C-alpha atoms as a PDB file:
ATOM      1  CA  MET A   1     264.391  -9.866 309.353  1.00  0.00           C
ATOM      2  CA  ALA A   2     261.729  -8.926 306.551  1.00  0.00           C
ATOM      3  CA  SER A   3     260.468 -11.636 304.494  1.00  0.00           C
ATOM      4  CA  PRO A   4     260.849 -11.408 300.679  1.00  0.00           C
ATOM      5  CA  PRO A   5     257.838  -9.848 298.855  1.00  0.00           C
ATOM      6  CA  SER A   6     255.336 -12.364 297.566  1.00  0.00           C
ATOM      7  CA  LEU A   7     254.746 -12.862 293.906  1.00  0.00           C
ATOM      8  CA  SER A   8     251.551 -10.631 293.916  1.00  0.00           C
ATOM      9  CA  GLU A   9     253.323  -7.794 295.587  1.00  0.00           C
ATOM     10  CA  GLN A  10     256.169  -7.944 293.072  1.00  0.00           C
ATOM     11  CA  ARG A  11     253.615  -7.820 290.248  1.00  0.00           C
ATOM     12  CA  SER A  12     251.885  -4.863 291.677  1.00  0.00           C
ATOM     13  CA  GLY A  13     254.931  -3.046 292.369  1.00  0.00           C
ATOM     14  CA  GLY A  14     256.046  -3.237 288.703  1.00  0.00           C
ATOM     15  CA  SER A  15     252.602  -2.609 287.360  1.00  0.00           C
ATOM     16  CA  SER A  16     252.310   0.883 289.024  1.00  0.00           C
ATOM     17  CA  SER A  17     255.196   2.369 287.008  1.00  0.00           C
ATOM     18  CA  SER A  18     254.184   0.689 283.826  1.00  0.00           C
ATOM     19  CA  SER A  19     250.592   1.960 284.284  1.00  0.00           C
ATOM     20  CA  LYS A  20     251.765   5.417 285.061  1.00  0.00           C
ATOM     21  CA  ARG A  21     254.014   5.357 281.830  1.00  0.00           C
ATOM     22  CA  ARG A  22     251.084   4.118 279.833  1.00  0.00           C
ATOM     23  CA  GLY A  23     248.992   6.881 281.246  1.00  0.00           C
ATOM     24  CA  ASP A  24     251.535   9.442 280.226  1.00  0.00           C
ATOM     25  CA  GLU A  25     251.719   8.266 276.683  1.00  0.00           C
ATOM     26  CA  CYS A  26     247.986   8.136 276.313  1.00  0.00           C
ATOM     27  CA  GLY A  27     247.820  11.536 277.966  1.00  0.00           C
ATOM     28  CA  ARG A  28     250.009  13.247 275.184  1.00  0.00           C
ATOM     29  CA  LEU A  29     247.369  13.110 272.598  1.00  0.00           C
ATOM     30  CA  GLU A  30     244.743  14.204 275.134  1.00  0.00           C
ATOM     31  CA  ARG A  31     246.697  17.223 276.102  1.00  0.00           C
ATOM     32  CA  ALA A  32     247.557  18.237 272.618  1.00  0.00           C
ATOM     33  CA  ALA A  33     244.032  17.871 271.094  1.00  0.00           C
ATOM     34  CA  PRO A  34     241.577  17.352 273.989  1.00  0.00           C
ATOM     35  CA  GLY A  35     238.430  17.355 271.755  1.00  0.00           C
ATOM     36  CA  LEU A  36     239.956  15.143 268.861  1.00  0.00           C
ATOM     37  CA  ALA A  37     241.842  12.516 270.906  1.00  0.00           C
ATOM     38  CA  THR A  38     238.992   9.818 270.777  1.00  0.00           C
ATOM     39  CA  PRO A  39     238.369  10.209 267.205  1.00  0.00           C
ATOM     40  CA  ILE A  40     241.996  10.179 266.280  1.00  0.00           C
ATOM     41  CA  ARG A  41     242.640   7.053 268.456  1.00  0.00           C
ATOM     42  CA  ALA A  42     239.622   5.351 266.758  1.00  0.00           C
ATOM     43  CA  ALA A  43     241.041   6.285 263.327  1.00  0.00           C
ATOM     44  CA  GLY A  44     244.262   5.024 264.079  1.00  0.00           C
ATOM     45  CA  PHE A  45     242.891   1.730 265.389  1.00  0.00           C
ATOM     46  CA  TRP A  46     240.651   1.048 262.455  1.00  0.00           C
ATOM     47  CA  ALA A  47     243.344   2.163 259.973  1.00  0.00           C
ATOM     48  CA  ALA A  48     245.692  -0.305 261.567  1.00  0.00           C
ATOM     49  CA  ILE A  49     243.154  -3.079 261.063  1.00  0.00           C
ATOM     50  CA  ALA A  50     242.434  -2.279 257.402  1.00  0.00           C
ATOM     51  CA  MET A  51     246.036  -1.344 256.292  1.00  0.00           C
ATOM     52  CA  PRO A  52     247.209  -4.980 255.752  1.00  0.00           C
ATOM     53  CA  VAL A  53     244.754  -5.334 252.885  1.00  0.00           C
ATOM     54  CA  LEU A  54     246.892  -2.839 250.896  1.00  0.00           C
ATOM     55  CA  TYR A  55     250.020  -4.953 251.216  1.00  0.00           C
ATOM     56  CA  VAL A  56     248.469  -7.705 249.043  1.00  0.00           C
ATOM     57  CA  PRO A  57     248.375  -5.906 245.764  1.00  0.00           C
ATOM     58  CA  LEU A  58     251.899  -4.595 246.173  1.00  0.00           C
ATOM     59  CA  LEU A  59     253.282  -7.924 247.011  1.00  0.00           C
ATOM     60  CA  VAL A  60     251.381  -9.801 244.399  1.00  0.00           C
ATOM     61  CA  THR A  61     252.639  -7.577 241.620  1.00  0.00           C
ATOM     62  CA  GLY A  62     256.064  -7.457 243.112  1.00  0.00           C
ATOM     63  CA  LEU A  63     258.298  -4.631 244.326  1.00  0.00           C
ATOM     64  CA  SER A  64     260.052  -4.321 241.007  1.00  0.00           C
ATOM     65  CA  SER A  65     260.259  -0.520 240.697  1.00  0.00           C
ATOM     66  CA  SER A  66     261.725   1.989 243.079  1.00  0.00           C
ATOM     67  CA  LEU A  67     258.290   3.604 243.158  1.00  0.00           C
ATOM     68  CA  ASP A  68     256.843   0.236 244.323  1.00  0.00           C
ATOM     69  CA  GLY A  69     259.481  -0.133 246.897  1.00  0.00           C
ATOM     70  CA  LEU A  70     258.906   3.426 248.211  1.00  0.00           C
ATOM     71  CA  LEU A  71     255.229   2.949 248.385  1.00  0.00           C
ATOM     72  CA  PHE A  72     255.615  -0.206 250.270  1.00  0.00           C
ATOM     73  CA  LEU A  73     257.971   1.414 252.755  1.00  0.00           C
ATOM     74  CA  ALA A  74     255.537   4.407 253.150  1.00  0.00           C
ATOM     75  CA  LEU A  75     252.785   1.853 253.770  1.00  0.00           C
ATOM     76  CA  VAL A  76     254.746   0.093 256.586  1.00  0.00           C
ATOM     77  CA  VAL A  77     255.554   3.388 258.268  1.00  0.00           C
ATOM     78  CA  GLY A  78     251.956   4.488 258.138  1.00  0.00           C
ATOM     79  CA  HIS A  79     250.863   1.198 259.552  1.00  0.00           C
ATOM     80  CA  LEU A  80     253.287   1.522 262.353  1.00  0.00           C
ATOM     81  CA  LEU A  81     252.086   4.993 263.032  1.00  0.00           C
ATOM     82  CA  ALA A  82     248.502   3.909 263.020  1.00  0.00           C
ATOM     83  CA  LEU A  83     249.346   1.112 265.485  1.00  0.00           C
ATOM     84  CA  TYR A  84     250.958   3.460 267.767  1.00  0.00           C
ATOM     85  CA  VAL A  85     248.144   6.033 267.704  1.00  0.00           C
ATOM     86  CA  GLY A  86     245.433   3.509 267.812  1.00  0.00           C
ATOM     87  CA  HIS A  87     246.967   1.139 270.495  1.00  0.00           C
ATOM     88  CA  ALA A  88     244.988   2.840 273.403  1.00  0.00           C
ATOM     89  CA  HIS A  89     241.507   2.915 271.589  1.00  0.00           C
ATOM     90  CA  ARG A  90     238.694   1.878 273.944  1.00  0.00           C
ATOM     91  CA  ARG A  91     241.093   1.428 277.064  1.00  0.00           C
END
């Protein structure tokens, strides 16, 4: 009768599929724009760090008009996009 896998074996078994998935996600940009993948990831990373500063003026003045609300929503979507693109920077 086989013994149950140890904790380290369980962890290593799950990590191979997640690392393969992570490699596939990171490889999409490299396949689409091989020479530009690194600068695009760096720009996404640093934009994701800097973008929260832009929330402050919008929130201080309030989101009273529909234009302010739309601008805030666009900023949130842009921030999420920058986080997604830049998450693999320097890995």
